[in-house]
Amino acid sequence: MTAERKKFTITAYREKTGAKAPQRLLDLRKSQLDIYSKITKSLGGGPKTVPEITDATGIPSRSVLWYLMTYLKYNLILPTGKTEEGYYRYALKKKEAVG
């Protein structure tokens, strides 16, 4: 996610409410961007399971799973198979060339 996307989120709040975004919302958005960055950086090295991402990022596994399911819903990642233990491996979806 980019600063442009962050600005859009905060701008949308301001336009909808007519008020400056509360610090709580700004902090939440910053936290979400930080988690997104850590998870995508971890996946940048290749497909990983939830426990592997947890180990690499320090983010609790329940949060990693929640974010991965969100990314899956929005088509940002895809499952690439299962381990012998039954864990799914997830990879970043390759961006398609436009033009």
PDB file of N, CA and C in Angstrom:
ATOM      1  N   MET A   1       0.853  -1.165   0.000  1.00  0.00           N
ATOM      2  CA  MET A   1       0.000   0.000   0.000  1.00  0.00           C
ATOM      3  C   MET A   1       0.903   1.233   0.000  1.00  0.00           C
ATOM      4  N   THR A   2       0.427   2.268  -0.626  1.00  0.00           N
ATOM      5  CA  THR A   2       1.245   3.454  -0.764  1.00  0.00           C
ATOM      6  C   THR A   2       0.695   4.590   0.071  1.00  0.00           C
ATOM      7  N   ALA A   3       1.506   5.650   0.165  1.00  0.00           N
ATOM      8  CA  ALA A   3       1.057   6.852   0.879  1.00  0.00           C
ATOM      9  C   ALA A   3      -0.180   7.430   0.182  1.00  0.00           C
ATOM     10  N   GLU A   4      -0.237   7.263  -1.143  1.00  0.00           N
ATOM     11  CA  GLU A   4      -1.400   7.738  -1.893  1.00  0.00           C
ATOM     12  C   GLU A   4      -2.670   7.032  -1.423  1.00  0.00           C
ATOM     13  N   ARG A   5      -2.583   5.721  -1.212  1.00  0.00           N
ATOM     14  CA  ARG A   5      -3.732   4.944  -0.730  1.00  0.00           C
ATOM     15  C   ARG A   5      -4.115   5.392   0.670  1.00  0.00           C
ATOM     16  N   LYS A   6      -3.115   5.616   1.531  1.00  0.00           N
ATOM     17  CA  LYS A   6      -3.362   6.085   2.891  1.00  0.00           C
ATOM     18  C   LYS A   6      -4.078   7.428   2.843  1.00  0.00           C
ATOM     19  N   LYS A   7      -3.588   8.322   1.996  1.00  0.00           N
ATOM     20  CA  LYS A   7      -4.202   9.636   1.875  1.00  0.00           C
ATOM     21  C   LYS A   7      -5.648   9.492   1.422  1.00  0.00           C
ATOM     22  N   PHE A   8      -5.902   8.573   0.492  1.00  0.00           N
ATOM     23  CA  PHE A   8      -7.257   8.358   0.013  1.00  0.00           C
ATOM     24  C   PHE A   8      -8.177   7.945   1.152  1.00  0.00           C
ATOM     25  N   THR A   9      -7.717   7.026   2.001  1.00  0.00           N
ATOM     26  CA  THR A   9      -8.526   6.544   3.109  1.00  0.00           C
ATOM     27  C   THR A   9      -8.860   7.677   4.070  1.00  0.00           C
ATOM     28  N   ILE A  10      -7.851   8.437   4.430  1.00  0.00           N
ATOM     29  CA  ILE A  10      -8.043   9.540   5.371  1.00  0.00           C
ATOM     30  C   ILE A  10      -8.877  10.648   4.719  1.00  0.00           C
ATOM     31  N   THR A  11      -8.638  10.907   3.454  1.00  0.00           N
ATOM     32  CA  THR A  11      -9.417  11.922   2.742  1.00  0.00           C
ATOM     33  C   THR A  11     -10.882  11.511   2.658  1.00  0.00           C
ATOM     34  N   ALA A  12     -11.133  10.238   2.395  1.00  0.00           N
ATOM     35  CA  ALA A  12     -12.517   9.753   2.331  1.00  0.00           C
ATOM     36  C   ALA A  12     -13.216   9.956   3.678  1.00  0.00           C
ATOM     37  N   TYR A  13     -12.515   9.697   4.761  1.00  0.00           N
ATOM     38  CA  TYR A  13     -13.094   9.914   6.094  1.00  0.00           C
ATOM     39  C   TYR A  13     -13.448  11.387   6.267  1.00  0.00           C
ATOM     40  N   ARG A  14     -12.512  12.253   5.910  1.00  0.00           N
ATOM     41  CA  ARG A  14     -12.725  13.692   6.065  1.00  0.00           C
ATOM     42  C   ARG A  14     -13.908  14.165   5.220  1.00  0.00           C
ATOM     43  N   GLU A  15     -13.989  13.658   3.990  1.00  0.00           N
ATOM     44  CA  GLU A  15     -15.090  14.053   3.113  1.00  0.00           C
ATOM     45  C   GLU A  15     -16.433  13.548   3.629  1.00  0.00           C
ATOM     46  N   LYS A  16     -16.445  12.354   4.181  1.00  0.00           N
ATOM     47  CA  LYS A  16     -17.690  11.769   4.673  1.00  0.00           C
ATOM     48  C   LYS A  16     -18.179  12.440   5.955  1.00  0.00           C
ATOM     49  N   THR A  17     -17.240  12.743   6.851  1.00  0.00           N
ATOM     50  CA  THR A  17     -17.632  13.276   8.156  1.00  0.00           C
ATOM     51  C   THR A  17     -17.497  14.780   8.263  1.00  0.00           C
ATOM     52  N   GLY A  18     -16.685  15.378   7.405  1.00  0.00           N
ATOM     53  CA  GLY A  18     -16.433  16.813   7.499  1.00  0.00           C
ATOM     54  C   GLY A  18     -15.466  17.158   8.616  1.00  0.00           C
ATOM     55  N   ALA A  19     -14.831  16.151   9.200  1.00  0.00           N
ATOM     56  CA  ALA A  19     -13.921  16.378  10.321  1.00  0.00           C
ATOM     57  C   ALA A  19     -12.557  15.785  10.019  1.00  0.00           C
ATOM     58  N   LYS A  20     -11.574  16.268  10.755  1.00  0.00           N
ATOM     59  CA  LYS A  20     -10.238  15.695  10.649  1.00  0.00           C
ATOM     60  C   LYS A  20     -10.279  14.274  11.224  1.00  0.00           C
ATOM     61  N   ALA A  21      -9.556  13.380  10.594  1.00  0.00           N
ATOM     62  CA  ALA A  21      -9.520  11.990  11.067  1.00  0.00           C
ATOM     63  C   ALA A  21      -8.930  11.950  12.474  1.00  0.00           C
ATOM     64  N   PRO A  22      -9.567  11.194  13.368  1.00  0.00           N
ATOM     65  CA  PRO A  22      -9.039  11.098  14.730  1.00  0.00           C
ATOM     66  C   PRO A  22      -7.700  10.359  14.738  1.00  0.00           C
ATOM     67  N   GLN A  23      -6.891  10.663  15.721  1.00  0.00           N
ATOM     68  CA  GLN A  23      -5.568  10.042  15.828  1.00  0.00           C
ATOM     69  C   GLN A  23      -5.673   8.527  15.869  1.00  0.00           C
ATOM     70  N   ARG A  24      -6.716   8.014  16.486  1.00  0.00           N
ATOM     71  CA  ARG A  24      -6.929   6.559  16.566  1.00  0.00           C
ATOM     72  C   ARG A  24      -7.009   5.946  15.166  1.00  0.00           C
ATOM     73  N   LEU A  25      -7.719   6.602  14.249  1.00  0.00           N
ATOM     74  CA  LEU A  25      -7.829   6.110  12.875  1.00  0.00           C
ATOM     75  C   LEU A  25      -6.481   6.204  12.164  1.00  0.00           C
ATOM     76  N   LEU A  26      -5.764   7.307  12.370  1.00  0.00           N
ATOM     77  CA  LEU A  26      -4.447   7.458  11.759  1.00  0.00           C
ATOM     78  C   LEU A  26      -3.481   6.383  12.257  1.00  0.00           C
ATOM     79  N   ASP A  27      -3.513   6.106  13.559  1.00  0.00           N
ATOM     80  CA  ASP A  27      -2.646   5.074  14.134  1.00  0.00           C
ATOM     81  C   ASP A  27      -3.008   3.685  13.612  1.00  0.00           C
ATOM     82  N   LEU A  28      -4.301   3.410  13.492  1.00  0.00           N
ATOM     83  CA  LEU A  28      -4.756   2.126  12.976  1.00  0.00           C
ATOM     84  C   LEU A  28      -4.285   1.935  11.539  1.00  0.00           C
ATOM     85  N   ARG A  29      -4.430   2.947  10.728  1.00  0.00           N
ATOM     86  CA  ARG A  29      -4.018   2.863   9.325  1.00  0.00           C
ATOM     87  C   ARG A  29      -2.515   2.646   9.218  1.00  0.00           C
ATOM     88  N   LYS A  30      -1.758   3.339  10.056  1.00  0.00           N
ATOM     89  CA  LYS A  30      -0.302   3.176  10.055  1.00  0.00           C
ATOM     90  C   LYS A  30       0.065   1.743  10.448  1.00  0.00           C
ATOM     91  N   SER A  31      -0.609   1.208  11.437  1.00  0.00           N
ATOM     92  CA  SER A  31      -0.367  -0.164  11.882  1.00  0.00           C
ATOM     93  C   SER A  31      -0.687  -1.164  10.773  1.00  0.00           C
ATOM     94  N   GLN A  32      -1.797  -0.963  10.083  1.00  0.00           N
ATOM     95  CA  GLN A  32      -2.179  -1.859   8.988  1.00  0.00           C
ATOM     96  C   GLN A  32      -1.150  -1.826   7.855  1.00  0.00           C
ATOM     97  N   LEU A  33      -0.659  -0.640   7.533  1.00  0.00           N
ATOM     98  CA  LEU A  33       0.352  -0.513   6.484  1.00  0.00           C
ATOM     99  C   LEU A  33       1.654  -1.197   6.891  1.00  0.00           C
ATOM    100  N   ASP A  34       2.010  -1.096   8.171  1.00  0.00           N
ATOM    101  CA  ASP A  34       3.210  -1.741   8.679  1.00  0.00           C
ATOM    102  C   ASP A  34       3.090  -3.266   8.571  1.00  0.00           C
ATOM    103  N   ILE A  35       1.938  -3.802   8.967  1.00  0.00           N
ATOM    104  CA  ILE A  35       1.710  -5.249   8.885  1.00  0.00           C
ATOM    105  C   ILE A  35       1.728  -5.711   7.432  1.00  0.00           C
ATOM    106  N   TYR A  36       1.061  -4.975   6.558  1.00  0.00           N
ATOM    107  CA  TYR A  36       1.056  -5.301   5.131  1.00  0.00           C
ATOM    108  C   TYR A  36       2.483  -5.356   4.588  1.00  0.00           C
ATOM    109  N   SER A  37       3.274  -4.367   4.966  1.00  0.00           N
ATOM    110  CA  SER A  37       4.657  -4.301   4.503  1.00  0.00           C
ATOM    111  C   SER A  37       5.463  -5.499   4.991  1.00  0.00           C
ATOM    112  N   LYS A  38       5.322  -5.861   6.258  1.00  0.00           N
ATOM    113  CA  LYS A  38       6.059  -6.996   6.812  1.00  0.00           C
ATOM    114  C   LYS A  38       5.664  -8.312   6.142  1.00  0.00           C
ATOM    115  N   ILE A  39       4.370  -8.504   5.946  1.00  0.00           N
ATOM    116  CA  ILE A  39       3.896  -9.756   5.336  1.00  0.00           C
ATOM    117  C   ILE A  39       4.334  -9.850   3.879  1.00  0.00           C
ATOM    118  N   THR A  40       4.177  -8.778   3.122  1.00  0.00           N
ATOM    119  CA  THR A  40       4.564  -8.830   1.707  1.00  0.00           C
ATOM    120  C   THR A  40       6.077  -8.960   1.558  1.00  0.00           C
ATOM    121  N   LYS A  41       6.841  -8.350   2.447  1.00  0.00           N
ATOM    122  CA  LYS A  41       8.296  -8.503   2.404  1.00  0.00           C
ATOM    123  C   LYS A  41       8.663  -9.963   2.679  1.00  0.00           C
ATOM    124  N   SER A  42       7.990 -10.573   3.641  1.00  0.00           N
ATOM    125  CA  SER A  42       8.230 -11.984   3.954  1.00  0.00           C
ATOM    126  C   SER A  42       7.905 -12.868   2.757  1.00  0.00           C
ATOM    127  N   LEU A  43       6.792 -12.601   2.098  1.00  0.00           N
ATOM    128  CA  LEU A  43       6.385 -13.390   0.938  1.00  0.00           C
ATOM    129  C   LEU A  43       7.224 -13.088  -0.294  1.00  0.00           C
ATOM    130  N   GLY A  44       7.944 -11.982  -0.273  1.00  0.00           N
ATOM    131  CA  GLY A  44       8.797 -11.626  -1.407  1.00  0.00           C
ATOM    132  C   GLY A  44       9.890 -12.654  -1.656  1.00  0.00           C
ATOM    133  N   GLY A  45      10.254 -13.409  -0.625  1.00  0.00           N
ATOM    134  CA  GLY A  45      11.278 -14.434  -0.771  1.00  0.00           C
ATOM    135  C   GLY A  45      10.740 -15.768  -1.257  1.00  0.00           C
ATOM    136  N   GLY A  46       9.443 -15.838  -1.494  1.00  0.00           N
ATOM    137  CA  GLY A  46       8.834 -17.071  -1.971  1.00  0.00           C
ATOM    138  C   GLY A  46       7.675 -17.477  -1.086  1.00  0.00           C
ATOM    139  N   PRO A  47       6.925 -18.490  -1.498  1.00  0.00           N
ATOM    140  CA  PRO A  47       5.751 -18.937  -0.754  1.00  0.00           C
ATOM    141  C   PRO A  47       6.094 -19.348   0.677  1.00  0.00           C
ATOM    142  N   LYS A  48       5.185 -19.014   1.601  1.00  0.00           N
ATOM    143  CA  LYS A  48       5.371 -19.347   3.006  1.00  0.00           C
ATOM    144  C   LYS A  48       4.054 -19.746   3.642  1.00  0.00           C
ATOM    145  N   THR A  49       4.155 -20.499   4.742  1.00  0.00           N
ATOM    146  CA  THR A  49       2.989 -20.871   5.543  1.00  0.00           C
ATOM    147  C   THR A  49       2.758 -19.801   6.606  1.00  0.00           C
ATOM    148  N   VAL A  50       1.614 -19.883   7.271  1.00  0.00           N
ATOM    149  CA  VAL A  50       1.324 -18.943   8.359  1.00  0.00           C
ATOM    150  C   VAL A  50       2.417 -19.007   9.433  1.00  0.00           C
ATOM    151  N   PRO A  51       2.810 -20.206   9.910  1.00  0.00           N
ATOM    152  CA  PRO A  51       3.875 -20.246  10.926  1.00  0.00           C
ATOM    153  C   PRO A  51       5.196 -19.646  10.440  1.00  0.00           C
ATOM    154  N   GLU A  52       5.524 -19.849   9.175  1.00  0.00           N
ATOM    155  CA  GLU A  52       6.767 -19.273   8.636  1.00  0.00           C
ATOM    156  C   GLU A  52       6.688 -17.752   8.589  1.00  0.00           C
ATOM    157  N   ILE A  53       5.546 -17.214   8.216  1.00  0.00           N
ATOM    158  CA  ILE A  53       5.375 -15.757   8.187  1.00  0.00           C
ATOM    159  C   ILE A  53       5.415 -15.205   9.601  1.00  0.00           C
ATOM    160  N   THR A  54       4.776 -15.906  10.535  1.00  0.00           N
ATOM    161  CA  THR A  54       4.801 -15.491  11.938  1.00  0.00           C
ATOM    162  C   THR A  54       6.242 -15.422  12.448  1.00  0.00           C
ATOM    163  N   ASP A  55       7.024 -16.447  12.167  1.00  0.00           N
ATOM    164  CA  ASP A  55       8.424 -16.465  12.598  1.00  0.00           C
ATOM    165  C   ASP A  55       9.231 -15.332  11.969  1.00  0.00           C
ATOM    166  N   ALA A  56       8.968 -15.048  10.698  1.00  0.00           N
ATOM    167  CA  ALA A  56       9.730 -14.029   9.975  1.00  0.00           C
ATOM    168  C   ALA A  56       9.356 -12.608  10.386  1.00  0.00           C
ATOM    169  N   THR A  57       8.097 -12.408  10.779  1.00  0.00           N
ATOM    170  CA  THR A  57       7.616 -11.047  11.036  1.00  0.00           C
ATOM    171  C   THR A  57       7.420 -10.710  12.511  1.00  0.00           C
ATOM    172  N   GLY A  58       7.201 -11.724  13.330  1.00  0.00           N
ATOM    173  CA  GLY A  58       6.887 -11.473  14.733  1.00  0.00           C
ATOM    174  C   GLY A  58       5.423 -11.123  14.961  1.00  0.00           C
ATOM    175  N   ILE A  59       4.619 -11.196  13.911  1.00  0.00           N
ATOM    176  CA  ILE A  59       3.181 -10.912  14.015  1.00  0.00           C
ATOM    177  C   ILE A  59       2.495 -12.189  14.490  1.00  0.00           C
ATOM    178  N   PRO A  60       1.577 -12.096  15.470  1.00  0.00           N
ATOM    179  CA  PRO A  60       0.890 -13.309  15.948  1.00  0.00           C
ATOM    180  C   PRO A  60       0.204 -14.058  14.797  1.00  0.00           C
ATOM    181  N   SER A  61       0.201 -15.388  14.896  1.00  0.00           N
ATOM    182  CA  SER A  61      -0.330 -16.211  13.801  1.00  0.00           C
ATOM    183  C   SER A  61      -1.792 -15.912  13.501  1.00  0.00           C
ATOM    184  N   ARG A  62      -2.608 -15.626  14.515  1.00  0.00           N
ATOM    185  CA  ARG A  62      -4.019 -15.331  14.240  1.00  0.00           C
ATOM    186  C   ARG A  62      -4.160 -14.053  13.404  1.00  0.00           C
ATOM    187  N   SER A  63      -3.275 -13.079  13.641  1.00  0.00           N
ATOM    188  CA  SER A  63      -3.304 -11.850  12.836  1.00  0.00           C
ATOM    189  C   SER A  63      -2.795 -12.110  11.428  1.00  0.00           C
ATOM    190  N   VAL A  64      -1.722 -12.898  11.316  1.00  0.00           N
ATOM    191  CA  VAL A  64      -1.199 -13.246   9.993  1.00  0.00           C
ATOM    192  C   VAL A  64      -2.289 -13.928   9.177  1.00  0.00           C
ATOM    193  N   LEU A  65      -2.965 -14.890   9.780  1.00  0.00           N
ATOM    194  CA  LEU A  65      -4.021 -15.610   9.075  1.00  0.00           C
ATOM    195  C   LEU A  65      -5.145 -14.668   8.650  1.00  0.00           C
ATOM    196  N   TRP A  66      -5.545 -13.772   9.536  1.00  0.00           N
ATOM    197  CA  TRP A  66      -6.614 -12.824   9.217  1.00  0.00           C
ATOM    198  C   TRP A  66      -6.215 -11.949   8.034  1.00  0.00           C
ATOM    199  N   TYR A  67      -4.998 -11.418   8.068  1.00  0.00           N
ATOM    200  CA  TYR A  67      -4.540 -10.574   6.953  1.00  0.00           C
ATOM    201  C   TYR A  67      -4.422 -11.379   5.667  1.00  0.00           C
ATOM    202  N   LEU A  68      -3.888 -12.610   5.745  1.00  0.00           N
ATOM    203  CA  LEU A  68      -3.775 -13.434   4.543  1.00  0.00           C
ATOM    204  C   LEU A  68      -5.135 -13.723   3.928  1.00  0.00           C
ATOM    205  N   MET A  69      -6.129 -14.002   4.743  1.00  0.00           N
ATOM    206  CA  MET A  69      -7.471 -14.263   4.211  1.00  0.00           C
ATOM    207  C   MET A  69      -8.052 -13.003   3.567  1.00  0.00           C
ATOM    208  N   THR A  70      -7.729 -11.855   4.122  1.00  0.00           N
ATOM    209  CA  THR A  70      -8.158 -10.592   3.511  1.00  0.00           C
ATOM    210  C   THR A  70      -7.470 -10.401   2.166  1.00  0.00           C
ATOM    211  N   TYR A  71      -6.155 -10.648   2.118  1.00  0.00           N
ATOM    212  CA  TYR A  71      -5.413 -10.512   0.864  1.00  0.00           C
ATOM    213  C   TYR A  71      -5.911 -11.512  -0.175  1.00  0.00           C
ATOM    214  N   LEU A  72      -6.274 -12.704   0.291  1.00  0.00           N
ATOM    215  CA  LEU A  72      -6.816 -13.719  -0.612  1.00  0.00           C
ATOM    216  C   LEU A  72      -8.145 -13.248  -1.191  1.00  0.00           C
ATOM    217  N   LYS A  73      -8.981 -12.678  -0.342  1.00  0.00           N
ATOM    218  CA  LYS A  73     -10.284 -12.173  -0.786  1.00  0.00           C
ATOM    219  C   LYS A  73     -10.122 -11.105  -1.873  1.00  0.00           C
ATOM    220  N   TYR A  74      -9.107 -10.259  -1.701  1.00  0.00           N
ATOM    221  CA  TYR A  74      -8.893  -9.172  -2.659  1.00  0.00           C
ATOM    222  C   TYR A  74      -7.879  -9.520  -3.741  1.00  0.00           C
ATOM    223  N   ASN A  75      -7.584 -10.828  -3.872  1.00  0.00           N
ATOM    224  CA  ASN A  75      -6.784 -11.336  -4.981  1.00  0.00           C
ATOM    225  C   ASN A  75      -5.350 -10.790  -5.010  1.00  0.00           C
ATOM    226  N   LEU A  76      -4.764 -10.568  -3.828  1.00  0.00           N
ATOM    227  CA  LEU A  76      -3.388 -10.090  -3.750  1.00  0.00           C
ATOM    228  C   LEU A  76      -2.399 -11.240  -3.577  1.00  0.00           C
ATOM    229  N   ILE A  77      -2.896 -12.373  -3.068  1.00  0.00           N
ATOM    230  CA  ILE A  77      -2.059 -13.555  -2.877  1.00  0.00           C
ATOM    231  C   ILE A  77      -2.809 -14.765  -3.411  1.00  0.00           C
ATOM    232  N   LEU A  78      -2.094 -15.893  -3.477  1.00  0.00           N
ATOM    233  CA  LEU A  78      -2.771 -17.131  -3.836  1.00  0.00           C
ATOM    234  C   LEU A  78      -2.102 -18.302  -3.142  1.00  0.00           C
ATOM    235  N   PRO A  79      -2.900 -19.331  -2.818  1.00  0.00           N
ATOM    236  CA  PRO A  79      -2.314 -20.524  -2.225  1.00  0.00           C
ATOM    237  C   PRO A  79      -1.524 -21.280  -3.283  1.00  0.00           C
ATOM    238  N   THR A  80      -0.384 -21.830  -2.875  1.00  0.00           N
ATOM    239  CA  THR A  80       0.471 -22.522  -3.848  1.00  0.00           C
ATOM    240  C   THR A  80       0.616 -24.009  -3.551  1.00  0.00           C
ATOM    241  N   GLY A  81      -0.078 -24.503  -2.549  1.00  0.00           N
ATOM    242  CA  GLY A  81       0.018 -25.917  -2.199  1.00  0.00           C
ATOM    243  C   GLY A  81       0.026 -26.087  -0.695  1.00  0.00           C
ATOM    244  N   LYS A  82       0.218 -27.337  -0.277  1.00  0.00           N
ATOM    245  CA  LYS A  82       0.221 -27.664   1.148  1.00  0.00           C
ATOM    246  C   LYS A  82       1.542 -28.309   1.532  1.00  0.00           C
ATOM    247  N   THR A  83       1.891 -28.145   2.804  1.00  0.00           N
ATOM    248  CA  THR A  83       3.054 -28.843   3.344  1.00  0.00           C
ATOM    249  C   THR A  83       2.615 -30.219   3.807  1.00  0.00           C
ATOM    250  N   GLU A  84       3.573 -31.045   4.199  1.00  0.00           N
ATOM    251  CA  GLU A  84       3.244 -32.375   4.721  1.00  0.00           C
ATOM    252  C   GLU A  84       2.415 -32.290   5.999  1.00  0.00           C
ATOM    253  N   GLU A  85       2.596 -31.180   6.751  1.00  0.00           N
ATOM    254  CA  GLU A  85       1.843 -30.988   7.993  1.00  0.00           C
ATOM    255  C   GLU A  85       0.430 -30.486   7.736  1.00  0.00           C
ATOM    256  N   GLY A  86       0.128 -30.133   6.497  1.00  0.00           N
ATOM    257  CA  GLY A  86      -1.208 -29.668   6.153  1.00  0.00           C
ATOM    258  C   GLY A  86      -1.375 -28.155   6.095  1.00  0.00           C
ATOM    259  N   TYR A  87      -0.269 -27.421   6.269  1.00  0.00           N
ATOM    260  CA  TYR A  87      -0.344 -25.959   6.175  1.00  0.00           C
ATOM    261  C   TYR A  87      -0.344 -25.529   4.715  1.00  0.00           C
ATOM    262  N   TYR A  88      -1.163 -24.544   4.385  1.00  0.00           N
ATOM    263  CA  TYR A  88      -1.125 -23.970   3.044  1.00  0.00           C
ATOM    264  C   TYR A  88       0.048 -23.014   2.943  1.00  0.00           C
ATOM    265  N   ARG A  89       0.648 -22.984   1.774  1.00  0.00           N
ATOM    266  CA  ARG A  89       1.677 -21.984   1.468  1.00  0.00           C
ATOM    267  C   ARG A  89       1.016 -20.908   0.619  1.00  0.00           C
ATOM    268  N   TYR A  90       1.387 -19.679   0.896  1.00  0.00           N
ATOM    269  CA  TYR A  90       0.819 -18.541   0.170  1.00  0.00           C
ATOM    270  C   TYR A  90       1.937 -17.764  -0.517  1.00  0.00           C
ATOM    271  N   ALA A  91       1.631 -17.217  -1.689  1.00  0.00           N
ATOM    272  CA  ALA A  91       2.588 -16.427  -2.453  1.00  0.00           C
ATOM    273  C   ALA A  91       1.911 -15.152  -2.921  1.00  0.00           C
ATOM    274  N   LEU A  92       2.729 -14.133  -3.132  1.00  0.00           N
ATOM    275  CA  LEU A  92       2.211 -12.904  -3.710  1.00  0.00           C
ATOM    276  C   LEU A  92       1.781 -13.183  -5.142  1.00  0.00           C
ATOM    277  N   LYS A  93       0.685 -12.591  -5.526  1.00  0.00           N
ATOM    278  CA  LYS A  93       0.233 -12.743  -6.907  1.00  0.00           C
ATOM    279  C   LYS A  93       1.071 -11.842  -7.783  1.00  0.00           C
ATOM    280  N   LYS A  94       1.517 -12.371  -8.886  1.00  0.00           N
ATOM    281  CA  LYS A  94       2.319 -11.582  -9.819  1.00  0.00           C
ATOM    282  C   LYS A  94       1.449 -10.537 -10.487  1.00  0.00           C
ATOM    283  N   LYS A  95       1.987  -9.327 -10.594  1.00  0.00           N
ATOM    284  CA  LYS A  95       1.253  -8.270 -11.278  1.00  0.00           C
ATOM    285  C   LYS A  95       1.325  -8.514 -12.772  1.00  0.00           C
ATOM    286  N   GLU A  96       0.166  -8.378 -13.402  1.00  0.00           N
ATOM    287  CA  GLU A  96       0.111  -8.596 -14.842  1.00  0.00           C
ATOM    288  C   GLU A  96       0.530  -7.328 -15.563  1.00  0.00           C
ATOM    289  N   ALA A  97       1.241  -7.517 -16.648  1.00  0.00           N
ATOM    290  CA  ALA A  97       1.665  -6.379 -17.446  1.00  0.00           C
ATOM    291  C   ALA A  97       0.463  -5.755 -18.140  1.00  0.00           C
ATOM    292  N   VAL A  98       0.437  -4.445 -18.170  1.00  0.00           N
ATOM    293  CA  VAL A  98      -0.653  -3.719 -18.811  1.00  0.00           C
ATOM    294  C   VAL A  98      -0.116  -3.145 -20.115  1.00  0.00           C
ATOM    295  N   GLY A  99      -0.912  -3.218 -21.159  1.00  0.00           N
ATOM    296  CA  GLY A  99      -0.492  -2.580 -22.397  1.00  0.00           C
ATOM    297  C   GLY A  99      -0.428  -3.545 -23.446  1.00  0.00           C
TER     298      GLY A  99
END
